[in-house]
Amino acid sequence: MPPEWWEKWGERSKWFDGAGRPLNSELSQSYTWEALLEDHVQSERRSDRMEPIGEDEKDAMLRLLRWMLAWRPAERLSAPEVLETEWMTRWALPAYRKALRLQERRGQRRFSKRK
């Protein structure tokens, strides 16, 4: 959280002490983006017998998430900027197009067609 927001947060004392430590022990557990990706994406892929995401893709995905979820709106990417990121152009959009082709070959139309 940006320091200026932290200072203005009127309800802060309900959740944190004067040193900024969480009052609730459950809140004291902080997770990195890397740990969350491992727990919620990589482990699921492994359990489904899918290949884990490679390091290059993982790095690009984490960069995208950080840009999209920045605290300050002015620091976030716009939708057109998201579509131009490395993760979208190298992995997401090609996978989407491949899925479209597979659906069309099977005579199914589950995704909207996008150029």
C-alpha atoms as a PDB file:
ATOM      1  CA  MET A   1       0.000   0.000   0.000  1.00  0.00           C
ATOM      2  CA  PRO A   2       1.403   3.419  -0.844  1.00  0.00           C
ATOM      3  CA  PRO A   3       2.682   5.174   2.310  1.00  0.00           C
ATOM      4  CA  GLU A   4       0.368   8.145   1.861  1.00  0.00           C
ATOM      5  CA  TRP A   5      -2.657   5.822   1.805  1.00  0.00           C
ATOM      6  CA  TRP A   6      -1.367   3.932   4.845  1.00  0.00           C
ATOM      7  CA  GLU A   7      -1.083   7.170   6.811  1.00  0.00           C
ATOM      8  CA  LYS A   8      -4.632   8.269   5.923  1.00  0.00           C
ATOM      9  CA  TRP A   9      -6.254   4.896   6.609  1.00  0.00           C
ATOM     10  CA  GLY A  10      -8.571   5.577   9.544  1.00  0.00           C
ATOM     11  CA  GLU A  11      -9.315   1.915  10.305  1.00  0.00           C
ATOM     12  CA  ARG A  12      -5.659   0.865  10.325  1.00  0.00           C
ATOM     13  CA  SER A  13      -5.501   0.454  14.123  1.00  0.00           C
ATOM     14  CA  LYS A  14      -8.175  -2.264  13.949  1.00  0.00           C
ATOM     15  CA  TRP A  15      -5.830  -4.437  11.930  1.00  0.00           C
ATOM     16  CA  PHE A  16      -2.249  -3.300  12.644  1.00  0.00           C
ATOM     17  CA  ASP A  17      -0.211  -2.092  15.613  1.00  0.00           C
ATOM     18  CA  GLY A  18       1.781   1.154  15.628  1.00  0.00           C
ATOM     19  CA  ALA A  19       4.759  -0.572  13.997  1.00  0.00           C
ATOM     20  CA  GLY A  20       2.606  -1.864  11.130  1.00  0.00           C
ATOM     21  CA  ARG A  21       2.518  -5.478  12.344  1.00  0.00           C
ATOM     22  CA  PRO A  22      -0.791  -7.333  11.882  1.00  0.00           C
ATOM     23  CA  LEU A  23      -2.850  -7.798  15.052  1.00  0.00           C
ATOM     24  CA  ASN A  24      -4.285 -11.046  13.687  1.00  0.00           C
ATOM     25  CA  SER A  25      -1.731 -13.826  13.251  1.00  0.00           C
ATOM     26  CA  GLU A  26      -3.480 -15.026  10.076  1.00  0.00           C
ATOM     27  CA  LEU A  27      -2.787 -11.651   8.479  1.00  0.00           C
ATOM     28  CA  SER A  28       0.899 -11.927   9.314  1.00  0.00           C
ATOM     29  CA  GLN A  29       1.358 -14.567   6.633  1.00  0.00           C
ATOM     30  CA  SER A  30       2.354 -12.782   3.491  1.00  0.00           C
ATOM     31  CA  TYR A  31       2.548 -14.569   0.206  1.00  0.00           C
ATOM     32  CA  THR A  32       4.711 -13.572  -2.688  1.00  0.00           C
ATOM     33  CA  TRP A  33       3.367 -13.602  -6.215  1.00  0.00           C
ATOM     34  CA  GLU A  34       5.789 -16.440  -6.889  1.00  0.00           C
ATOM     35  CA  ALA A  35       4.384 -18.526  -4.006  1.00  0.00           C
ATOM     36  CA  LEU A  36       0.799 -17.851  -5.088  1.00  0.00           C
ATOM     37  CA  LEU A  37       1.598 -18.864  -8.665  1.00  0.00           C
ATOM     38  CA  GLU A  38       3.222 -22.057  -7.400  1.00  0.00           C
ATOM     39  CA  ASP A  39       0.317 -22.917  -5.079  1.00  0.00           C
ATOM     40  CA  HIS A  40      -2.553 -22.029  -7.390  1.00  0.00           C
ATOM     41  CA  VAL A  41      -1.257 -22.580 -10.917  1.00  0.00           C
ATOM     42  CA  GLN A  42       1.808 -24.782 -11.024  1.00  0.00           C
ATOM     43  CA  SER A  43       0.586 -27.343  -8.479  1.00  0.00           C
ATOM     44  CA  GLU A  44      -2.786 -27.571 -10.256  1.00  0.00           C
ATOM     45  CA  ARG A  45      -1.065 -28.109 -13.584  1.00  0.00           C
ATOM     46  CA  ARG A  46       1.056 -30.882 -12.085  1.00  0.00           C
ATOM     47  CA  SER A  47      -1.965 -32.564 -10.505  1.00  0.00           C
ATOM     48  CA  ASP A  48      -3.688 -32.475 -13.914  1.00  0.00           C
ATOM     49  CA  ARG A  49      -0.537 -33.990 -15.447  1.00  0.00           C
ATOM     50  CA  MET A  50       0.176 -30.845 -17.393  1.00  0.00           C
ATOM     51  CA  GLU A  51       3.640 -29.468 -17.849  1.00  0.00           C
ATOM     52  CA  PRO A  52       4.384 -26.626 -15.407  1.00  0.00           C
ATOM     53  CA  ILE A  53       4.758 -23.153 -16.832  1.00  0.00           C
ATOM     54  CA  GLY A  54       8.354 -22.481 -17.869  1.00  0.00           C
ATOM     55  CA  GLU A  55      10.530 -19.815 -16.269  1.00  0.00           C
ATOM     56  CA  ASP A  56      10.244 -17.315 -19.142  1.00  0.00           C
ATOM     57  CA  GLU A  57       6.457 -17.543 -19.196  1.00  0.00           C
ATOM     58  CA  LYS A  58       6.259 -17.426 -15.407  1.00  0.00           C
ATOM     59  CA  ASP A  59       8.389 -14.261 -15.292  1.00  0.00           C
ATOM     60  CA  ALA A  60       6.265 -12.621 -17.998  1.00  0.00           C
ATOM     61  CA  MET A  61       3.038 -13.607 -16.215  1.00  0.00           C
ATOM     62  CA  LEU A  62       4.254 -12.237 -12.878  1.00  0.00           C
ATOM     63  CA  ARG A  63       5.263  -8.941 -14.511  1.00  0.00           C
ATOM     64  CA  LEU A  64       1.814  -8.675 -16.069  1.00  0.00           C
ATOM     65  CA  LEU A  65       0.056  -9.356 -12.762  1.00  0.00           C
ATOM     66  CA  ARG A  66       2.136  -6.721 -10.971  1.00  0.00           C
ATOM     67  CA  TRP A  67       1.326  -4.152 -13.657  1.00  0.00           C
ATOM     68  CA  MET A  68      -2.371  -4.989 -13.681  1.00  0.00           C
ATOM     69  CA  LEU A  69      -2.743  -5.002  -9.899  1.00  0.00           C
ATOM     70  CA  ALA A  70      -0.722  -1.892  -9.075  1.00  0.00           C
ATOM     71  CA  TRP A  71      -2.196   0.063  -6.163  1.00  0.00           C
ATOM     72  CA  ARG A  72      -2.368   3.374  -7.996  1.00  0.00           C
ATOM     73  CA  PRO A  73      -4.701   3.354 -11.013  1.00  0.00           C
ATOM     74  CA  ALA A  74      -2.331   5.556 -13.016  1.00  0.00           C
ATOM     75  CA  GLU A  75       0.345   2.854 -12.688  1.00  0.00           C
ATOM     76  CA  ARG A  76      -1.891   0.068 -14.038  1.00  0.00           C
ATOM     77  CA  LEU A  77      -1.888  -1.052 -17.628  1.00  0.00           C
ATOM     78  CA  SER A  78      -4.831  -0.248 -19.859  1.00  0.00           C
ATOM     79  CA  ALA A  79      -6.638  -3.105 -21.615  1.00  0.00           C
ATOM     80  CA  PRO A  80      -4.858  -2.404 -24.933  1.00  0.00           C
ATOM     81  CA  GLU A  81      -1.509  -2.350 -23.098  1.00  0.00           C
ATOM     82  CA  VAL A  82      -2.303  -5.697 -21.454  1.00  0.00           C
ATOM     83  CA  LEU A  83      -2.914  -7.214 -24.887  1.00  0.00           C
ATOM     84  CA  GLU A  84       0.533  -6.041 -25.993  1.00  0.00           C
ATOM     85  CA  THR A  85       2.477  -7.553 -23.077  1.00  0.00           C
ATOM     86  CA  GLU A  86       4.956 -10.347 -23.571  1.00  0.00           C
ATOM     87  CA  TRP A  87       2.795 -12.880 -21.741  1.00  0.00           C
ATOM     88  CA  MET A  88      -0.233 -12.121 -23.912  1.00  0.00           C
ATOM     89  CA  THR A  89       1.626 -12.067 -27.211  1.00  0.00           C
ATOM     90  CA  ARG A  90       3.891 -15.084 -26.603  1.00  0.00           C
ATOM     91  CA  TRP A  91       1.632 -17.400 -24.599  1.00  0.00           C
ATOM     92  CA  ALA A  92      -1.979 -16.389 -23.925  1.00  0.00           C
ATOM     93  CA  LEU A  93      -3.141 -15.237 -27.353  1.00  0.00           C
ATOM     94  CA  PRO A  94      -1.409 -18.063 -29.251  1.00  0.00           C
ATOM     95  CA  ALA A  95      -2.983 -20.604 -26.870  1.00  0.00           C
ATOM     96  CA  TYR A  96      -6.362 -18.923 -27.316  1.00  0.00           C
ATOM     97  CA  ARG A  97      -6.057 -19.064 -31.114  1.00  0.00           C
ATOM     98  CA  LYS A  98      -5.015 -22.710 -30.946  1.00  0.00           C
ATOM     99  CA  ALA A  99      -8.054 -23.505 -28.784  1.00  0.00           C
ATOM    100  CA  LEU A 100     -10.292 -21.708 -31.303  1.00  0.00           C
ATOM    101  CA  ARG A 101      -8.904 -23.782 -34.168  1.00  0.00           C
ATOM    102  CA  LEU A 102      -9.425 -27.005 -32.209  1.00  0.00           C
ATOM    103  CA  GLN A 103     -13.007 -26.028 -31.379  1.00  0.00           C
ATOM    104  CA  GLU A 104     -13.720 -25.172 -35.011  1.00  0.00           C
ATOM    105  CA  ARG A 105     -12.303 -28.516 -36.191  1.00  0.00           C
ATOM    106  CA  ARG A 106     -14.598 -30.301 -33.791  1.00  0.00           C
ATOM    107  CA  GLY A 107     -17.555 -28.252 -34.952  1.00  0.00           C
ATOM    108  CA  GLN A 108     -17.912 -26.522 -31.615  1.00  0.00           C
ATOM    109  CA  ARG A 109     -18.120 -22.814 -30.961  1.00  0.00           C
ATOM    110  CA  ARG A 110     -17.513 -22.166 -27.276  1.00  0.00           C
ATOM    111  CA  PHE A 111     -15.278 -19.125 -27.566  1.00  0.00           C
ATOM    112  CA  SER A 112     -16.060 -15.840 -29.232  1.00  0.00           C
ATOM    113  CA  LYS A 113     -13.916 -15.320 -32.287  1.00  0.00           C
ATOM    114  CA  ARG A 114     -11.392 -12.540 -31.867  1.00  0.00           C
ATOM    115  CA  LYS A 115      -8.774 -11.237 -34.265  1.00  0.00           C
END
